[in-house]
Amino acid sequence: MHRPGQETGQAPQIVRIRDLARVEGGWSAILRAPALEPGDDLALRILRDAGVLIHPGHFFDLPGDGYLVCSLLPAEFPEGIARVAEILEGVRPE
């Protein structure tokens, strides 16, 4: 089974930034993000600032804020997830 980022080595970069949930199949990557703002707000900010459509975890019945779900085509995954990583690097407690 193909996993986005597998051939490019991008997944380890994501793990260094935040936690990446254990792969259990499917087409999406579940990312942990700081729960410092509502998931909807963070997803909209990522769309606005990075041009990447990402879903808040509650769309997938994940508990509370702090989860994002990303589904990208394999060819687009490295660039898209790098953009998300840039936004998440800037999310810090005040």
N, C-alpha and C. Protein backbone atom coordinates (compact mmCIF):
# COMPACT_ATOMS: atom_id res chain seq x y z
N MET A 1 0.84 -1.17 0.00
CA MET A 1 0.00 0.00 0.00
C MET A 1 0.89 1.24 0.00
N HIS A 2 0.55 2.21 -0.80
CA HIS A 2 1.30 3.47 -0.86
C HIS A 2 0.87 4.39 0.27
N ARG A 3 1.82 5.00 0.92
CA ARG A 3 1.52 5.98 1.96
C ARG A 3 2.13 7.30 1.54
N PRO A 4 1.33 8.41 1.55
CA PRO A 4 1.88 9.70 1.16
C PRO A 4 3.16 10.01 1.93
N GLY A 5 4.15 10.49 1.20
CA GLY A 5 5.40 10.88 1.81
C GLY A 5 6.38 9.73 1.94
N GLN A 6 5.93 8.50 1.67
CA GLN A 6 6.77 7.32 1.84
C GLN A 6 8.00 7.39 0.97
N GLU A 7 7.84 7.76 -0.30
CA GLU A 7 8.96 7.77 -1.21
C GLU A 7 9.81 9.03 -1.08
N THR A 8 9.30 10.04 -0.42
CA THR A 8 10.03 11.31 -0.33
C THR A 8 10.67 11.52 1.02
N GLY A 9 10.35 10.70 1.99
CA GLY A 9 10.91 10.88 3.32
C GLY A 9 10.27 12.02 4.09
N GLN A 10 9.10 12.49 3.67
CA GLN A 10 8.45 13.61 4.33
C GLN A 10 7.84 13.25 5.67
N ALA A 11 7.35 12.04 5.83
CA ALA A 11 6.68 11.68 7.08
C ALA A 11 7.58 11.87 8.30
N PRO A 12 8.86 11.47 8.26
CA PRO A 12 9.71 11.72 9.44
C PRO A 12 9.82 13.20 9.79
N GLN A 13 9.81 14.07 8.79
CA GLN A 13 9.85 15.51 9.06
C GLN A 13 8.61 15.92 9.84
N ILE A 14 7.47 15.40 9.48
CA ILE A 14 6.23 15.72 10.16
C ILE A 14 6.30 15.25 11.61
N VAL A 15 6.81 14.07 11.83
CA VAL A 15 6.90 13.53 13.18
C VAL A 15 7.76 14.43 14.05
N ARG A 16 8.81 15.02 13.49
CA ARG A 16 9.64 15.93 14.27
C ARG A 16 8.86 17.18 14.64
N ILE A 17 7.94 17.60 13.80
CA ILE A 17 7.21 18.83 14.04
C ILE A 17 6.11 18.60 15.08
N ARG A 18 5.33 17.62 14.90
CA ARG A 18 4.23 17.25 15.80
C ARG A 18 4.12 15.73 15.75
N ASP A 19 3.12 15.20 16.37
CA ASP A 19 2.92 13.76 16.33
C ASP A 19 2.10 13.38 15.12
N LEU A 20 2.47 12.28 14.50
CA LEU A 20 1.71 11.70 13.40
C LEU A 20 1.13 10.40 13.92
N ALA A 21 -0.19 10.28 13.83
CA ALA A 21 -0.84 9.08 14.36
C ALA A 21 -0.35 7.84 13.61
N ARG A 22 -0.36 6.71 14.31
CA ARG A 22 0.05 5.44 13.72
C ARG A 22 -0.83 5.14 12.51
N VAL A 23 -0.21 4.71 11.43
CA VAL A 23 -0.93 4.41 10.20
C VAL A 23 -1.70 3.11 10.38
N GLU A 24 -3.01 3.18 10.12
CA GLU A 24 -3.86 2.00 10.22
C GLU A 24 -4.60 1.75 8.92
N GLY A 25 -4.11 2.31 7.83
CA GLY A 25 -4.77 2.17 6.54
C GLY A 25 -5.53 3.44 6.22
N GLY A 26 -6.09 3.48 5.04
CA GLY A 26 -6.85 4.66 4.64
C GLY A 26 -6.01 5.62 3.83
N TRP A 27 -6.59 6.77 3.56
CA TRP A 27 -5.99 7.74 2.65
C TRP A 27 -5.65 9.05 3.34
N SER A 28 -5.73 9.12 4.62
CA SER A 28 -5.54 10.38 5.33
C SER A 28 -4.42 10.26 6.36
N ALA A 29 -3.79 11.39 6.63
CA ALA A 29 -2.81 11.48 7.71
C ALA A 29 -3.45 12.27 8.84
N ILE A 30 -3.37 11.75 10.05
CA ILE A 30 -3.89 12.45 11.22
C ILE A 30 -2.71 13.11 11.91
N LEU A 31 -2.77 14.42 12.03
CA LEU A 31 -1.69 15.20 12.64
C LEU A 31 -2.14 15.73 13.99
N ARG A 32 -1.23 15.75 14.94
CA ARG A 32 -1.48 16.42 16.22
C ARG A 32 -0.97 17.84 16.08
N ALA A 33 -1.75 18.77 16.57
CA ALA A 33 -1.38 20.19 16.53
C ALA A 33 -1.63 20.76 17.91
N PRO A 34 -0.96 21.84 18.26
CA PRO A 34 -1.24 22.46 19.56
C PRO A 34 -2.71 22.85 19.63
N ALA A 35 -3.37 22.53 20.72
CA ALA A 35 -4.79 22.85 20.89
C ALA A 35 -4.93 24.24 21.50
N LEU A 36 -4.31 25.21 20.86
CA LEU A 36 -4.32 26.58 21.37
C LEU A 36 -5.39 27.45 20.72
N GLU A 37 -6.04 26.90 19.69
CA GLU A 37 -7.16 27.58 19.05
C GLU A 37 -8.10 26.51 18.54
N PRO A 38 -9.36 26.84 18.34
CA PRO A 38 -10.30 25.84 17.85
C PRO A 38 -9.83 25.24 16.52
N GLY A 39 -10.07 23.95 16.34
CA GLY A 39 -9.64 23.26 15.13
C GLY A 39 -10.16 23.90 13.86
N ASP A 40 -11.42 24.38 13.89
CA ASP A 40 -11.97 25.05 12.71
C ASP A 40 -11.16 26.29 12.37
N ASP A 41 -10.80 27.07 13.39
CA ASP A 41 -10.03 28.29 13.15
C ASP A 41 -8.65 27.97 12.59
N LEU A 42 -8.00 26.95 13.14
CA LEU A 42 -6.68 26.58 12.66
C LEU A 42 -6.75 26.08 11.22
N ALA A 43 -7.74 25.25 10.91
CA ALA A 43 -7.89 24.74 9.54
C ALA A 43 -8.14 25.88 8.56
N LEU A 44 -8.96 26.85 8.96
CA LEU A 44 -9.21 28.00 8.08
C LEU A 44 -7.97 28.86 7.92
N ARG A 45 -7.18 29.01 8.98
CA ARG A 45 -5.94 29.79 8.88
C ARG A 45 -4.94 29.10 7.95
N ILE A 46 -4.86 27.78 8.03
CA ILE A 46 -3.97 27.03 7.14
C ILE A 46 -4.42 27.20 5.70
N LEU A 47 -5.72 27.15 5.46
CA LEU A 47 -6.24 27.36 4.11
C LEU A 47 -5.91 28.77 3.62
N ARG A 48 -6.16 29.76 4.47
CA ARG A 48 -5.91 31.16 4.09
C ARG A 48 -4.42 31.44 3.88
N ASP A 49 -3.59 31.00 4.81
CA ASP A 49 -2.17 31.38 4.79
C ASP A 49 -1.29 30.45 3.96
N ALA A 50 -1.68 29.19 3.84
CA ALA A 50 -0.83 28.22 3.14
C ALA A 50 -1.47 27.68 1.87
N GLY A 51 -2.78 27.93 1.69
CA GLY A 51 -3.45 27.43 0.50
C GLY A 51 -3.66 25.92 0.51
N VAL A 52 -3.69 25.33 1.72
CA VAL A 52 -3.88 23.88 1.84
C VAL A 52 -5.19 23.63 2.58
N LEU A 53 -6.06 22.85 1.95
CA LEU A 53 -7.32 22.48 2.59
C LEU A 53 -7.06 21.29 3.51
N ILE A 54 -7.27 21.51 4.78
CA ILE A 54 -7.05 20.49 5.81
C ILE A 54 -8.29 20.51 6.70
N HIS A 55 -8.62 19.39 7.28
CA HIS A 55 -9.85 19.30 8.07
C HIS A 55 -9.55 19.25 9.56
N PRO A 56 -10.38 19.92 10.36
CA PRO A 56 -10.25 19.76 11.81
C PRO A 56 -10.63 18.33 12.18
N GLY A 57 -10.02 17.82 13.23
CA GLY A 57 -10.24 16.44 13.63
C GLY A 57 -11.67 16.07 13.94
N HIS A 58 -12.47 17.05 14.40
CA HIS A 58 -13.85 16.70 14.76
C HIS A 58 -14.66 16.24 13.56
N PHE A 59 -14.21 16.57 12.33
CA PHE A 59 -14.89 16.05 11.14
C PHE A 59 -14.81 14.53 11.09
N PHE A 60 -13.81 13.96 11.76
CA PHE A 60 -13.58 12.53 11.76
C PHE A 60 -13.79 11.92 13.15
N ASP A 61 -14.57 12.62 13.98
CA ASP A 61 -14.90 12.17 15.33
C ASP A 61 -13.69 12.02 16.25
N LEU A 62 -12.63 12.79 15.99
CA LEU A 62 -11.49 12.81 16.91
C LEU A 62 -11.83 13.74 18.06
N PRO A 63 -11.36 13.44 19.27
CA PRO A 63 -11.77 14.22 20.44
C PRO A 63 -11.12 15.59 20.51
N GLY A 64 -11.91 16.61 20.75
CA GLY A 64 -11.40 17.95 21.03
C GLY A 64 -10.58 18.56 19.91
N ASP A 65 -9.95 19.67 20.26
CA ASP A 65 -9.06 20.35 19.33
C ASP A 65 -7.69 19.69 19.41
N GLY A 66 -6.83 20.02 18.50
CA GLY A 66 -5.49 19.47 18.53
C GLY A 66 -5.26 18.36 17.51
N TYR A 67 -6.25 18.10 16.67
CA TYR A 67 -6.09 17.12 15.60
C TYR A 67 -6.44 17.78 14.27
N LEU A 68 -5.66 17.48 13.25
CA LEU A 68 -5.94 17.89 11.89
C LEU A 68 -5.86 16.65 11.01
N VAL A 69 -6.66 16.61 9.96
CA VAL A 69 -6.65 15.48 9.05
C VAL A 69 -6.35 16.00 7.65
N CYS A 70 -5.35 15.40 7.04
CA CYS A 70 -4.86 15.84 5.74
C CYS A 70 -4.98 14.68 4.75
N SER A 71 -5.57 14.96 3.60
CA SER A 71 -5.68 13.97 2.52
C SER A 71 -5.21 14.64 1.24
N LEU A 72 -4.06 14.26 0.75
CA LEU A 72 -3.51 14.86 -0.46
C LEU A 72 -3.10 13.78 -1.43
N LEU A 73 -3.10 14.13 -2.71
CA LEU A 73 -2.56 13.23 -3.71
C LEU A 73 -1.07 13.02 -3.44
N PRO A 74 -0.55 11.83 -3.69
CA PRO A 74 0.86 11.57 -3.41
C PRO A 74 1.81 12.61 -4.02
N ALA A 75 1.53 13.06 -5.23
CA ALA A 75 2.42 14.04 -5.88
C ALA A 75 2.37 15.40 -5.19
N GLU A 76 1.26 15.71 -4.54
CA GLU A 76 1.09 17.01 -3.89
C GLU A 76 1.44 16.98 -2.41
N PHE A 77 1.58 15.79 -1.84
CA PHE A 77 1.77 15.68 -0.40
C PHE A 77 3.01 16.42 0.12
N PRO A 78 4.18 16.24 -0.48
CA PRO A 78 5.38 16.90 0.09
C PRO A 78 5.24 18.42 0.21
N GLU A 79 4.77 19.06 -0.85
CA GLU A 79 4.63 20.52 -0.80
C GLU A 79 3.52 20.93 0.16
N GLY A 80 2.39 20.26 0.09
CA GLY A 80 1.26 20.62 0.95
C GLY A 80 1.58 20.45 2.43
N ILE A 81 2.21 19.34 2.78
CA ILE A 81 2.48 19.10 4.19
C ILE A 81 3.59 20.02 4.68
N ALA A 82 4.51 20.40 3.80
CA ALA A 82 5.54 21.37 4.19
C ALA A 82 4.91 22.72 4.52
N ARG A 83 3.90 23.11 3.75
CA ARG A 83 3.19 24.36 4.04
C ARG A 83 2.47 24.29 5.38
N VAL A 84 1.82 23.16 5.64
CA VAL A 84 1.14 22.97 6.93
C VAL A 84 2.16 23.03 8.07
N ALA A 85 3.29 22.39 7.87
CA ALA A 85 4.34 22.38 8.91
C ALA A 85 4.80 23.79 9.24
N GLU A 86 4.93 24.64 8.23
CA GLU A 86 5.34 26.03 8.48
C GLU A 86 4.34 26.74 9.38
N ILE A 87 3.06 26.54 9.12
CA ILE A 87 2.02 27.16 9.95
C ILE A 87 2.08 26.61 11.37
N LEU A 88 2.19 25.29 11.51
CA LEU A 88 2.21 24.68 12.83
C LEU A 88 3.44 25.08 13.63
N GLU A 89 4.55 25.32 12.97
CA GLU A 89 5.75 25.77 13.67
C GLU A 89 5.51 27.12 14.34
N GLY A 90 4.62 27.92 13.76
CA GLY A 90 4.33 29.24 14.32
C GLY A 90 3.29 29.24 15.41
N VAL A 91 2.65 28.10 15.67
CA VAL A 91 1.61 28.01 16.70
C VAL A 91 2.29 27.78 18.04
N ARG A 92 2.27 28.79 18.88
CA ARG A 92 2.94 28.73 20.18
C ARG A 92 2.01 29.29 21.25
N PRO A 93 2.15 28.83 22.48
CA PRO A 93 1.36 29.42 23.57
C PRO A 93 1.73 30.88 23.75
N GLU A 94 0.75 31.68 24.12
CA GLU A 94 1.01 33.11 24.36
C GLU A 94 1.53 33.34 25.75
